[in-house]
Amino acid sequence: MQKTILIVGANSFIAKSMVLHLEAAGYACMAAPRSELDMEDETSIIRFVEKSGNLMLDGIIFCQGINPDKNVKDTSMDHIEKMWKVNIGGPIILLKHLHFKLNNAAPIIFFSSVAVTKGSYDPAYAAAKSAIYGLIQSLANEFAHLRFNAIALGLVENSPVYNKMTEDFREKHRKNMKEGKFIQTEDIGVAVVELLNNISINRSIVPLTGTTP
């Protein structure tokens, strides 16, 4: 029987590039773009859950996010709050209202970042991505019948962050990547399918960073 996976942030670069891999692996993808599921708005979250009716889900992949774009000198409380709502608050509230629609052993996958260990020019981004580790441990404690994991991503080639970089800055990153290669969207798809299928992986942050020591 085909399994249905909810894709939160379905219009994101990561989500769009990943869906083909999931469908090829036999999964049905339920797309939830921000226009239908706003992770900053609990009312939107409740409305989305109510509209889903009796549909049961076999997993969730959280692809929503805000790209890093403000250093300390340019940041604001609004930017910091948005980072935390989108990355941490929204998923908690969604699971609050949606957990009873998840089948037993359903995998929940988040996307963290290499910024957790390397830092970022946007401290709010790095802090929010770092908090995902504590989040999945806490959620796993409360929902022991589900699986919670995250993928820590390095710089993905042709992603919005990559495309905004100058060539010099890309080259600086390239020198820190294994064999000078950036993360490919295919790498992400393969990793996600493995986390969906492998019931032995739980409460883990899987590094897909490509960085050298």
N, C-alpha and C. Protein backbone atom coordinates (compact mmCIF):
# COMPACT_ATOMS: atom_id res chain seq x y z
N MET A 1 0.84 -1.20 0.00
CA MET A 1 0.00 0.00 0.00
C MET A 1 0.88 1.25 0.00
N GLN A 2 0.56 2.21 -0.84
CA GLN A 2 1.37 3.42 -0.96
C GLN A 2 1.27 4.27 0.31
N LYS A 3 2.41 4.77 0.75
CA LYS A 3 2.45 5.59 1.95
C LYS A 3 2.39 7.08 1.59
N THR A 4 1.70 7.84 2.43
CA THR A 4 1.51 9.26 2.18
C THR A 4 2.37 10.08 3.14
N ILE A 5 3.19 10.96 2.57
CA ILE A 5 4.09 11.80 3.34
C ILE A 5 3.70 13.26 3.18
N LEU A 6 3.52 13.96 4.29
CA LEU A 6 3.21 15.38 4.26
C LEU A 6 4.51 16.17 4.07
N ILE A 7 4.53 17.04 3.06
CA ILE A 7 5.70 17.88 2.79
C ILE A 7 5.36 19.31 3.20
N VAL A 8 5.89 19.73 4.34
CA VAL A 8 5.65 21.09 4.83
C VAL A 8 6.65 22.03 4.14
N GLY A 9 6.15 23.15 3.64
CA GLY A 9 7.03 24.05 2.88
C GLY A 9 7.26 23.50 1.49
N ALA A 10 6.18 23.06 0.85
CA ALA A 10 6.28 22.32 -0.42
C ALA A 10 6.82 23.14 -1.58
N ASN A 11 6.82 24.47 -1.45
CA ASN A 11 7.35 25.30 -2.53
C ASN A 11 8.83 25.63 -2.37
N SER A 12 9.44 25.12 -1.33
CA SER A 12 10.85 25.39 -1.11
C SER A 12 11.72 24.65 -2.12
N PHE A 13 12.93 25.12 -2.30
CA PHE A 13 13.86 24.49 -3.23
C PHE A 13 14.10 23.03 -2.86
N ILE A 14 14.31 22.77 -1.59
CA ILE A 14 14.58 21.41 -1.14
C ILE A 14 13.39 20.50 -1.42
N ALA A 15 12.20 20.98 -1.09
CA ALA A 15 11.00 20.15 -1.28
C ALA A 15 10.78 19.80 -2.74
N LYS A 16 10.88 20.79 -3.60
CA LYS A 16 10.63 20.56 -5.03
C LYS A 16 11.63 19.57 -5.61
N SER A 17 12.87 19.65 -5.17
CA SER A 17 13.89 18.75 -5.72
C SER A 17 13.79 17.35 -5.14
N MET A 18 13.10 17.22 -4.02
CA MET A 18 13.04 15.95 -3.31
C MET A 18 11.84 15.09 -3.72
N VAL A 19 10.78 15.72 -4.16
CA VAL A 19 9.54 15.02 -4.45
C VAL A 19 9.72 13.91 -5.49
N LEU A 20 10.50 14.18 -6.52
CA LEU A 20 10.73 13.17 -7.56
C LEU A 20 11.35 11.90 -6.98
N HIS A 21 12.29 12.07 -6.05
CA HIS A 21 12.93 10.90 -5.42
C HIS A 21 11.92 10.13 -4.57
N LEU A 22 11.06 10.84 -3.87
CA LEU A 22 10.07 10.18 -3.03
C LEU A 22 9.05 9.42 -3.88
N GLU A 23 8.60 10.05 -4.95
CA GLU A 23 7.61 9.38 -5.81
C GLU A 23 8.22 8.17 -6.49
N ALA A 24 9.50 8.28 -6.88
CA ALA A 24 10.18 7.13 -7.50
C ALA A 24 10.33 5.98 -6.51
N ALA A 25 10.39 6.32 -5.22
CA ALA A 25 10.53 5.29 -4.17
C ALA A 25 9.18 4.75 -3.73
N GLY A 26 8.10 5.23 -4.38
CA GLY A 26 6.78 4.69 -4.10
C GLY A 26 5.95 5.46 -3.09
N TYR A 27 6.39 6.65 -2.71
CA TYR A 27 5.64 7.46 -1.75
C TYR A 27 4.71 8.44 -2.46
N ALA A 28 3.56 8.68 -1.85
CA ALA A 28 2.66 9.73 -2.30
C ALA A 28 2.95 10.98 -1.48
N CYS A 29 3.14 12.11 -2.13
CA CYS A 29 3.50 13.34 -1.44
C CYS A 29 2.29 14.26 -1.33
N MET A 30 1.97 14.65 -0.11
CA MET A 30 0.91 15.61 0.15
C MET A 30 1.56 16.98 0.34
N ALA A 31 1.42 17.86 -0.64
CA ALA A 31 2.10 19.14 -0.61
C ALA A 31 1.37 20.13 0.28
N ALA A 32 2.15 20.83 1.12
CA ALA A 32 1.59 21.86 1.99
C ALA A 32 2.44 23.11 1.89
N PRO A 33 2.17 23.95 0.88
CA PRO A 33 2.90 25.21 0.74
C PRO A 33 2.44 26.19 1.82
N ARG A 34 3.19 27.28 1.96
CA ARG A 34 2.87 28.26 3.00
C ARG A 34 1.48 28.85 2.82
N SER A 35 1.02 28.96 1.58
CA SER A 35 -0.31 29.52 1.33
C SER A 35 -1.41 28.67 1.97
N GLU A 36 -1.12 27.39 2.23
CA GLU A 36 -2.10 26.50 2.86
C GLU A 36 -1.75 26.17 4.30
N LEU A 37 -0.47 26.28 4.65
CA LEU A 37 -0.02 25.92 5.99
C LEU A 37 1.09 26.89 6.40
N ASP A 38 0.70 27.95 7.11
CA ASP A 38 1.63 28.99 7.54
C ASP A 38 2.17 28.61 8.92
N MET A 39 3.44 28.29 9.00
CA MET A 39 4.03 27.80 10.24
C MET A 39 4.22 28.89 11.30
N GLU A 40 3.89 30.12 10.96
CA GLU A 40 3.93 31.20 11.94
C GLU A 40 2.55 31.48 12.53
N ASP A 41 1.54 30.78 12.07
CA ASP A 41 0.16 31.11 12.42
C ASP A 41 -0.58 29.85 12.88
N GLU A 42 -0.89 29.78 14.17
CA GLU A 42 -1.56 28.59 14.70
C GLU A 42 -2.94 28.41 14.10
N THR A 43 -3.62 29.51 13.79
CA THR A 43 -4.94 29.40 13.16
C THR A 43 -4.85 28.71 11.81
N SER A 44 -3.82 29.05 11.04
CA SER A 44 -3.60 28.41 9.75
C SER A 44 -3.32 26.93 9.92
N ILE A 45 -2.56 26.60 10.95
CA ILE A 45 -2.22 25.20 11.22
C ILE A 45 -3.48 24.40 11.57
N ILE A 46 -4.30 24.95 12.44
CA ILE A 46 -5.54 24.28 12.84
C ILE A 46 -6.46 24.09 11.64
N ARG A 47 -6.57 25.12 10.81
CA ARG A 47 -7.43 25.05 9.62
C ARG A 47 -6.94 23.95 8.68
N PHE A 48 -5.62 23.85 8.50
CA PHE A 48 -5.06 22.83 7.63
C PHE A 48 -5.40 21.43 8.13
N VAL A 49 -5.23 21.22 9.42
CA VAL A 49 -5.51 19.91 10.01
C VAL A 49 -6.98 19.56 9.85
N GLU A 50 -7.85 20.52 10.07
CA GLU A 50 -9.29 20.27 9.94
C GLU A 50 -9.66 19.92 8.50
N LYS A 51 -9.03 20.59 7.53
CA LYS A 51 -9.32 20.33 6.12
C LYS A 51 -8.84 18.95 5.66
N SER A 52 -7.87 18.40 6.38
CA SER A 52 -7.33 17.09 5.98
C SER A 52 -8.30 15.96 6.24
N GLY A 53 -9.34 16.24 7.00
CA GLY A 53 -10.38 15.25 7.22
C GLY A 53 -9.88 13.98 7.90
N ASN A 54 -10.24 12.83 7.32
CA ASN A 54 -9.88 11.54 7.92
C ASN A 54 -8.57 10.98 7.39
N LEU A 55 -7.85 11.76 6.60
CA LEU A 55 -6.60 11.29 6.03
C LEU A 55 -5.59 10.95 7.11
N MET A 56 -5.01 9.76 7.02
CA MET A 56 -3.92 9.36 7.92
C MET A 56 -2.60 9.50 7.18
N LEU A 57 -1.56 9.88 7.90
CA LEU A 57 -0.26 10.14 7.30
C LEU A 57 0.77 9.11 7.75
N ASP A 58 1.72 8.83 6.86
CA ASP A 58 2.79 7.88 7.15
C ASP A 58 4.12 8.59 7.43
N GLY A 59 4.09 9.91 7.51
CA GLY A 59 5.30 10.65 7.82
C GLY A 59 5.16 12.12 7.49
N ILE A 60 6.09 12.91 8.01
CA ILE A 60 6.15 14.35 7.74
C ILE A 60 7.59 14.72 7.44
N ILE A 61 7.78 15.56 6.43
CA ILE A 61 9.10 16.13 6.16
C ILE A 61 8.96 17.65 6.24
N PHE A 62 9.69 18.25 7.17
CA PHE A 62 9.64 19.69 7.37
C PHE A 62 10.69 20.36 6.48
N CYS A 63 10.22 20.96 5.39
CA CYS A 63 11.11 21.63 4.44
C CYS A 63 11.00 23.15 4.51
N GLN A 64 10.14 23.64 5.38
CA GLN A 64 9.96 25.09 5.49
C GLN A 64 11.22 25.72 6.10
N GLY A 65 11.41 26.99 5.85
CA GLY A 65 12.57 27.66 6.44
C GLY A 65 12.73 29.07 5.92
N ILE A 66 13.64 29.78 6.56
CA ILE A 66 14.02 31.13 6.14
C ILE A 66 15.52 31.12 5.91
N ASN A 67 15.95 31.57 4.74
CA ASN A 67 17.37 31.57 4.44
C ASN A 67 18.11 32.58 5.31
N PRO A 68 19.35 32.27 5.69
CA PRO A 68 20.13 33.23 6.48
C PRO A 68 20.41 34.49 5.66
N ASP A 69 20.13 35.66 6.26
CA ASP A 69 20.37 36.88 5.49
C ASP A 69 20.64 38.11 6.35
N LYS A 70 20.73 37.95 7.68
CA LYS A 70 20.96 39.13 8.52
C LYS A 70 22.02 38.84 9.58
N ASN A 71 23.09 39.62 9.55
CA ASN A 71 24.09 39.49 10.60
C ASN A 71 23.63 40.26 11.84
N VAL A 72 24.44 40.26 12.89
CA VAL A 72 24.04 40.89 14.14
C VAL A 72 23.73 42.38 13.95
N LYS A 73 24.52 43.06 13.15
CA LYS A 73 24.33 44.49 12.96
C LYS A 73 23.05 44.83 12.21
N ASP A 74 22.54 43.89 11.41
CA ASP A 74 21.35 44.16 10.59
C ASP A 74 20.09 43.47 11.10
N THR A 75 20.22 42.64 12.12
CA THR A 75 19.08 41.82 12.54
C THR A 75 18.06 42.63 13.33
N SER A 76 16.93 42.01 13.61
CA SER A 76 15.88 42.64 14.39
C SER A 76 15.17 41.55 15.20
N MET A 77 14.42 41.97 16.20
CA MET A 77 13.67 41.00 16.98
C MET A 77 12.66 40.27 16.11
N ASP A 78 12.08 40.97 15.14
CA ASP A 78 11.12 40.35 14.23
C ASP A 78 11.77 39.22 13.44
N HIS A 79 12.98 39.45 12.93
CA HIS A 79 13.70 38.42 12.18
C HIS A 79 13.99 37.22 13.07
N ILE A 80 14.46 37.48 14.29
CA ILE A 80 14.78 36.39 15.22
C ILE A 80 13.53 35.58 15.55
N GLU A 81 12.43 36.26 15.81
CA GLU A 81 11.18 35.56 16.14
C GLU A 81 10.68 34.73 14.96
N LYS A 82 10.81 35.25 13.74
CA LYS A 82 10.38 34.49 12.56
C LYS A 82 11.19 33.21 12.42
N MET A 83 12.51 33.31 12.64
CA MET A 83 13.37 32.13 12.55
C MET A 83 12.90 31.04 13.51
N TRP A 84 12.58 31.45 14.74
CA TRP A 84 12.17 30.48 15.75
C TRP A 84 10.77 29.94 15.50
N LYS A 85 9.87 30.79 15.05
CA LYS A 85 8.52 30.31 14.75
C LYS A 85 8.53 29.30 13.62
N VAL A 86 9.24 29.61 12.54
CA VAL A 86 9.23 28.75 11.36
C VAL A 86 9.95 27.43 11.62
N ASN A 87 11.09 27.48 12.28
CA ASN A 87 11.91 26.28 12.48
C ASN A 87 11.51 25.43 13.69
N ILE A 88 11.03 26.08 14.74
CA ILE A 88 10.78 25.37 16.00
C ILE A 88 9.31 25.43 16.43
N GLY A 89 8.79 26.64 16.56
CA GLY A 89 7.42 26.80 17.06
C GLY A 89 6.37 26.16 16.18
N GLY A 90 6.46 26.42 14.88
CA GLY A 90 5.48 25.87 13.94
C GLY A 90 5.39 24.35 13.98
N PRO A 91 6.53 23.65 13.88
CA PRO A 91 6.47 22.19 13.95
C PRO A 91 5.87 21.66 15.26
N ILE A 92 6.18 22.32 16.38
CA ILE A 92 5.60 21.88 17.65
C ILE A 92 4.08 22.01 17.62
N ILE A 93 3.61 23.16 17.15
CA ILE A 93 2.17 23.40 17.11
C ILE A 93 1.48 22.47 16.11
N LEU A 94 2.14 22.20 14.98
CA LEU A 94 1.55 21.28 14.00
C LEU A 94 1.38 19.89 14.61
N LEU A 95 2.41 19.41 15.30
CA LEU A 95 2.31 18.09 15.91
C LEU A 95 1.29 18.06 17.04
N LYS A 96 1.13 19.18 17.71
CA LYS A 96 0.10 19.29 18.75
C LYS A 96 -1.27 18.95 18.18
N HIS A 97 -1.55 19.46 16.99
CA HIS A 97 -2.87 19.28 16.39
C HIS A 97 -2.96 18.09 15.44
N LEU A 98 -1.81 17.57 15.00
CA LEU A 98 -1.81 16.56 13.94
C LEU A 98 -1.37 15.17 14.39
N HIS A 99 -0.83 15.04 15.57
CA HIS A 99 -0.17 13.78 15.96
C HIS A 99 -1.10 12.56 15.87
N PHE A 100 -2.38 12.77 16.12
CA PHE A 100 -3.32 11.63 16.09
C PHE A 100 -3.59 11.15 14.67
N LYS A 101 -3.13 11.89 13.64
CA LYS A 101 -3.30 11.48 12.26
C LYS A 101 -2.06 10.77 11.70
N LEU A 102 -1.10 10.49 12.57
CA LEU A 102 0.13 9.82 12.14
C LEU A 102 0.09 8.34 12.48
N ASN A 103 0.33 7.51 11.49
CA ASN A 103 0.35 6.07 11.72
C ASN A 103 1.54 5.67 12.57
N ASN A 104 1.43 4.51 13.18
CA ASN A 104 2.48 4.03 14.07
C ASN A 104 3.83 3.92 13.35
N ALA A 105 4.90 4.37 14.02
CA ALA A 105 6.28 4.36 13.50
C ALA A 105 6.49 5.34 12.36
N ALA A 106 5.57 6.28 12.18
CA ALA A 106 5.73 7.28 11.11
C ALA A 106 7.00 8.10 11.34
N PRO A 107 7.84 8.27 10.31
CA PRO A 107 9.06 9.06 10.43
C PRO A 107 8.78 10.56 10.27
N ILE A 108 9.39 11.35 11.12
CA ILE A 108 9.31 12.80 11.05
C ILE A 108 10.72 13.31 10.78
N ILE A 109 10.91 14.04 9.70
CA ILE A 109 12.25 14.48 9.29
C ILE A 109 12.32 16.01 9.26
N PHE A 110 13.36 16.53 9.90
CA PHE A 110 13.64 17.97 9.89
C PHE A 110 14.91 18.23 9.09
N PHE A 111 15.10 19.49 8.72
CA PHE A 111 16.36 19.89 8.10
C PHE A 111 17.08 20.87 9.00
N SER A 112 18.25 20.44 9.45
CA SER A 112 19.14 21.30 10.22
C SER A 112 20.21 21.83 9.27
N SER A 113 21.36 22.23 9.78
CA SER A 113 22.35 22.87 8.92
C SER A 113 23.77 22.66 9.45
N VAL A 114 24.72 22.74 8.55
CA VAL A 114 26.12 22.72 8.92
C VAL A 114 26.45 23.92 9.82
N ALA A 115 25.59 24.93 9.81
CA ALA A 115 25.79 26.11 10.67
C ALA A 115 25.79 25.75 12.14
N VAL A 116 25.22 24.60 12.49
CA VAL A 116 25.21 24.15 13.89
C VAL A 116 26.63 24.00 14.42
N THR A 117 27.53 23.51 13.58
CA THR A 117 28.92 23.31 14.02
C THR A 117 29.87 24.36 13.45
N LYS A 118 29.52 24.95 12.32
CA LYS A 118 30.40 25.93 11.67
C LYS A 118 30.01 27.37 11.97
N GLY A 119 28.78 27.57 12.45
CA GLY A 119 28.30 28.92 12.65
C GLY A 119 27.78 29.52 11.35
N SER A 120 27.15 30.69 11.46
CA SER A 120 26.60 31.38 10.30
C SER A 120 26.71 32.87 10.54
N TYR A 121 26.78 33.64 9.45
CA TYR A 121 26.77 35.09 9.62
C TYR A 121 25.43 35.56 10.16
N ASP A 122 24.40 34.70 10.06
CA ASP A 122 23.09 34.99 10.63
C ASP A 122 22.93 34.17 11.91
N PRO A 123 23.17 34.77 13.09
CA PRO A 123 23.12 34.00 14.34
C PRO A 123 21.74 33.45 14.66
N ALA A 124 20.68 34.13 14.23
CA ALA A 124 19.33 33.63 14.49
C ALA A 124 19.09 32.33 13.73
N TYR A 125 19.60 32.27 12.51
CA TYR A 125 19.48 31.06 11.69
C TYR A 125 20.23 29.91 12.35
N ALA A 126 21.50 30.16 12.73
CA ALA A 126 22.31 29.10 13.34
C ALA A 126 21.69 28.61 14.65
N ALA A 127 21.15 29.53 15.44
CA ALA A 127 20.55 29.16 16.72
C ALA A 127 19.30 28.31 16.51
N ALA A 128 18.46 28.71 15.55
CA ALA A 128 17.23 27.96 15.29
C ALA A 128 17.54 26.55 14.78
N LYS A 129 18.52 26.44 13.89
CA LYS A 129 18.90 25.12 13.37
C LYS A 129 19.54 24.26 14.45
N SER A 130 20.27 24.90 15.36
CA SER A 130 20.89 24.15 16.47
C SER A 130 19.83 23.59 17.40
N ALA A 131 18.74 24.32 17.58
CA ALA A 131 17.68 23.91 18.50
C ALA A 131 16.94 22.67 18.01
N ILE A 132 17.08 22.34 16.75
CA ILE A 132 16.37 21.17 16.21
C ILE A 132 16.80 19.88 16.91
N TYR A 133 18.07 19.80 17.33
CA TYR A 133 18.53 18.58 18.02
C TYR A 133 17.73 18.36 19.30
N GLY A 134 17.63 19.41 20.13
CA GLY A 134 16.85 19.29 21.36
C GLY A 134 15.39 19.06 21.08
N LEU A 135 14.90 19.63 19.99
CA LEU A 135 13.50 19.47 19.62
C LEU A 135 13.17 18.01 19.33
N ILE A 136 13.99 17.36 18.49
CA ILE A 136 13.65 15.98 18.12
C ILE A 136 13.79 15.02 19.32
N GLN A 137 14.71 15.32 20.24
CA GLN A 137 14.82 14.47 21.43
C GLN A 137 13.56 14.61 22.29
N SER A 138 13.09 15.83 22.44
CA SER A 138 11.91 16.08 23.26
C SER A 138 10.66 15.47 22.64
N LEU A 139 10.51 15.63 21.32
CA LEU A 139 9.36 15.06 20.63
C LEU A 139 9.39 13.54 20.69
N ALA A 140 10.58 12.96 20.58
CA ALA A 140 10.71 11.50 20.64
C ALA A 140 10.35 10.97 22.03
N ASN A 141 10.61 11.78 23.06
CA ASN A 141 10.22 11.37 24.41
C ASN A 141 8.70 11.31 24.54
N GLU A 142 8.02 12.29 23.95
CA GLU A 142 6.56 12.36 24.10
C GLU A 142 5.83 11.42 23.16
N PHE A 143 6.38 11.27 21.94
CA PHE A 143 5.72 10.41 20.94
C PHE A 143 6.64 9.24 20.60
N ALA A 144 6.75 8.32 21.54
CA ALA A 144 7.69 7.21 21.39
C ALA A 144 7.31 6.27 20.26
N HIS A 145 6.08 6.34 19.80
CA HIS A 145 5.64 5.45 18.71
C HIS A 145 6.02 6.00 17.34
N LEU A 146 6.59 7.22 17.29
CA LEU A 146 7.02 7.82 16.03
C LEU A 146 8.54 7.85 15.99
N ARG A 147 9.11 8.19 14.81
CA ARG A 147 10.56 8.34 14.68
C ARG A 147 10.90 9.78 14.30
N PHE A 148 11.90 10.34 14.96
CA PHE A 148 12.30 11.73 14.72
C PHE A 148 13.78 11.79 14.35
N ASN A 149 14.07 12.38 13.19
CA ASN A 149 15.44 12.55 12.73
C ASN A 149 15.57 13.88 12.00
N ALA A 150 16.80 14.28 11.77
CA ALA A 150 17.06 15.50 11.01
C ALA A 150 18.28 15.29 10.13
N ILE A 151 18.33 16.05 9.05
CA ILE A 151 19.49 16.07 8.16
C ILE A 151 20.16 17.43 8.29
N ALA A 152 21.44 17.44 8.60
CA ALA A 152 22.20 18.69 8.66
C ALA A 152 22.81 18.93 7.29
N LEU A 153 22.32 19.95 6.61
CA LEU A 153 22.73 20.22 5.24
C LEU A 153 23.90 21.19 5.14
N GLY A 154 24.80 20.88 4.22
CA GLY A 154 25.83 21.84 3.83
C GLY A 154 25.30 22.66 2.67
N LEU A 155 26.18 23.36 1.98
CA LEU A 155 25.77 24.22 0.87
C LEU A 155 25.34 23.38 -0.33
N VAL A 156 24.09 23.57 -0.75
CA VAL A 156 23.51 22.80 -1.86
C VAL A 156 23.68 23.58 -3.15
N GLU A 157 24.25 22.93 -4.14
CA GLU A 157 24.47 23.59 -5.42
C GLU A 157 23.14 24.02 -6.05
N ASN A 158 23.12 25.26 -6.56
CA ASN A 158 21.96 25.86 -7.24
C ASN A 158 20.80 26.17 -6.30
N SER A 159 21.02 26.09 -5.00
CA SER A 159 20.00 26.51 -4.05
C SER A 159 19.94 28.03 -4.01
N PRO A 160 18.88 28.62 -3.45
CA PRO A 160 18.80 30.08 -3.36
C PRO A 160 19.98 30.69 -2.64
N VAL A 161 20.45 30.06 -1.57
CA VAL A 161 21.62 30.57 -0.85
C VAL A 161 22.85 30.53 -1.74
N TYR A 162 23.03 29.43 -2.43
CA TYR A 162 24.16 29.27 -3.36
C TYR A 162 24.13 30.33 -4.45
N ASN A 163 22.95 30.55 -5.03
CA ASN A 163 22.83 31.48 -6.15
C ASN A 163 23.03 32.94 -5.74
N LYS A 164 22.81 33.26 -4.47
CA LYS A 164 23.02 34.62 -4.00
C LYS A 164 24.49 34.93 -3.71
N MET A 165 25.31 33.89 -3.64
CA MET A 165 26.72 34.09 -3.31
C MET A 165 27.51 34.62 -4.50
N THR A 166 28.53 35.38 -4.20
CA THR A 166 29.47 35.78 -5.25
C THR A 166 30.32 34.56 -5.60
N GLU A 167 30.94 34.59 -6.76
CA GLU A 167 31.78 33.47 -7.18
C GLU A 167 32.95 33.27 -6.22
N ASP A 168 33.49 34.36 -5.71
CA ASP A 168 34.59 34.27 -4.76
C ASP A 168 34.16 33.56 -3.48
N PHE A 169 32.94 33.88 -3.02
CA PHE A 169 32.45 33.27 -1.78
C PHE A 169 32.14 31.79 -2.00
N ARG A 170 31.61 31.47 -3.19
CA ARG A 170 31.38 30.05 -3.50
C ARG A 170 32.69 29.28 -3.50
N GLU A 171 33.73 29.89 -4.08
CA GLU A 171 35.03 29.23 -4.14
C GLU A 171 35.59 28.99 -2.75
N LYS A 172 35.36 29.93 -1.86
CA LYS A 172 35.80 29.76 -0.48
C LYS A 172 35.12 28.55 0.15
N HIS A 173 33.82 28.39 -0.11
CA HIS A 173 33.10 27.22 0.40
C HIS A 173 33.58 25.94 -0.28
N ARG A 174 33.82 26.03 -1.58
CA ARG A 174 34.23 24.84 -2.33
C ARG A 174 35.50 24.22 -1.75
N LYS A 175 36.40 25.05 -1.31
CA LYS A 175 37.67 24.57 -0.76
C LYS A 175 37.49 23.76 0.52
N ASN A 176 36.35 23.96 1.18
CA ASN A 176 36.06 23.22 2.41
C ASN A 176 35.19 22.00 2.19
N MET A 177 34.83 21.75 0.92
CA MET A 177 33.96 20.62 0.61
C MET A 177 34.79 19.42 0.15
N LYS A 178 34.32 18.25 0.47
CA LYS A 178 35.00 17.02 0.07
C LYS A 178 35.11 16.95 -1.45
N GLU A 179 36.34 16.82 -1.95
CA GLU A 179 36.63 16.77 -3.38
C GLU A 179 36.13 18.01 -4.11
N GLY A 180 35.93 19.10 -3.37
CA GLY A 180 35.49 20.35 -3.99
C GLY A 180 34.09 20.31 -4.55
N LYS A 181 33.24 19.38 -4.04
CA LYS A 181 31.88 19.22 -4.58
C LYS A 181 30.84 19.71 -3.58
N PHE A 182 29.90 20.50 -4.07
CA PHE A 182 28.79 20.93 -3.24
C PHE A 182 27.76 19.81 -3.12
N ILE A 183 26.85 19.95 -2.15
CA ILE A 183 25.78 18.96 -1.98
C ILE A 183 24.85 19.03 -3.19
N GLN A 184 24.46 17.87 -3.69
CA GLN A 184 23.55 17.77 -4.83
C GLN A 184 22.15 17.42 -4.34
N THR A 185 21.15 17.86 -5.09
CA THR A 185 19.78 17.56 -4.69
C THR A 185 19.53 16.05 -4.65
N GLU A 186 20.21 15.32 -5.52
CA GLU A 186 20.06 13.86 -5.50
C GLU A 186 20.55 13.27 -4.19
N ASP A 187 21.62 13.86 -3.62
CA ASP A 187 22.12 13.40 -2.33
C ASP A 187 21.04 13.53 -1.25
N ILE A 188 20.31 14.64 -1.31
CA ILE A 188 19.25 14.87 -0.32
C ILE A 188 18.14 13.85 -0.48
N GLY A 189 17.73 13.61 -1.72
CA GLY A 189 16.67 12.64 -1.97
C GLY A 189 17.02 11.25 -1.47
N VAL A 190 18.24 10.83 -1.72
CA VAL A 190 18.69 9.50 -1.27
C VAL A 190 18.67 9.41 0.25
N ALA A 191 19.16 10.47 0.92
CA ALA A 191 19.21 10.48 2.38
C ALA A 191 17.80 10.46 2.98
N VAL A 192 16.90 11.21 2.39
CA VAL A 192 15.53 11.27 2.91
C VAL A 192 14.84 9.92 2.77
N VAL A 193 14.98 9.29 1.62
CA VAL A 193 14.36 7.98 1.42
C VAL A 193 14.91 6.96 2.42
N GLU A 194 16.21 7.04 2.69
CA GLU A 194 16.80 6.12 3.67
C GLU A 194 16.20 6.35 5.06
N LEU A 195 16.03 7.61 5.45
CA LEU A 195 15.45 7.90 6.76
C LEU A 195 13.98 7.48 6.84
N LEU A 196 13.29 7.57 5.73
CA LEU A 196 11.90 7.12 5.71
C LEU A 196 11.80 5.61 5.87
N ASN A 197 12.71 4.89 5.25
CA ASN A 197 12.63 3.44 5.19
C ASN A 197 13.29 2.71 6.35
N ASN A 198 14.35 3.29 6.89
CA ASN A 198 15.17 2.58 7.88
C ASN A 198 14.64 2.83 9.29
N ILE A 199 13.93 1.85 9.84
CA ILE A 199 13.30 2.03 11.15
C ILE A 199 14.33 2.01 12.29
N SER A 200 15.57 1.66 11.99
CA SER A 200 16.62 1.64 13.03
C SER A 200 17.19 3.02 13.30
N ILE A 201 16.92 3.99 12.43
CA ILE A 201 17.45 5.33 12.62
C ILE A 201 16.41 6.18 13.33
N ASN A 202 16.76 6.64 14.53
CA ASN A 202 15.84 7.42 15.34
C ASN A 202 16.62 8.37 16.23
N ARG A 203 16.08 9.56 16.44
CA ARG A 203 16.68 10.57 17.32
C ARG A 203 18.08 10.97 16.86
N SER A 204 18.28 11.01 15.56
CA SER A 204 19.62 11.25 15.00
C SER A 204 19.66 12.49 14.12
N ILE A 205 20.82 13.13 14.10
CA ILE A 205 21.11 14.19 13.14
C ILE A 205 22.08 13.61 12.11
N VAL A 206 21.65 13.44 10.90
CA VAL A 206 22.48 12.84 9.85
C VAL A 206 23.22 13.96 9.12
N PRO A 207 24.56 13.96 9.16
CA PRO A 207 25.31 15.03 8.48
C PRO A 207 25.40 14.80 6.99
N LEU A 208 24.87 15.75 6.24
CA LEU A 208 24.99 15.74 4.78
C LEU A 208 25.64 17.07 4.42
N THR A 209 26.84 17.24 4.91
CA THR A 209 27.50 18.54 4.84
C THR A 209 28.62 18.61 3.81
N GLY A 210 29.23 17.46 3.55
CA GLY A 210 30.30 17.43 2.57
C GLY A 210 31.56 18.17 2.98
N THR A 211 31.60 18.63 4.22
CA THR A 211 32.75 19.41 4.67
C THR A 211 33.91 18.54 5.08
N THR A 212 35.10 19.04 4.89
CA THR A 212 36.30 18.36 5.36
C THR A 212 36.55 18.80 6.80
N PRO A 213 37.34 18.05 7.56
CA PRO A 213 37.60 18.42 8.96
C PRO A 213 38.19 19.81 9.09
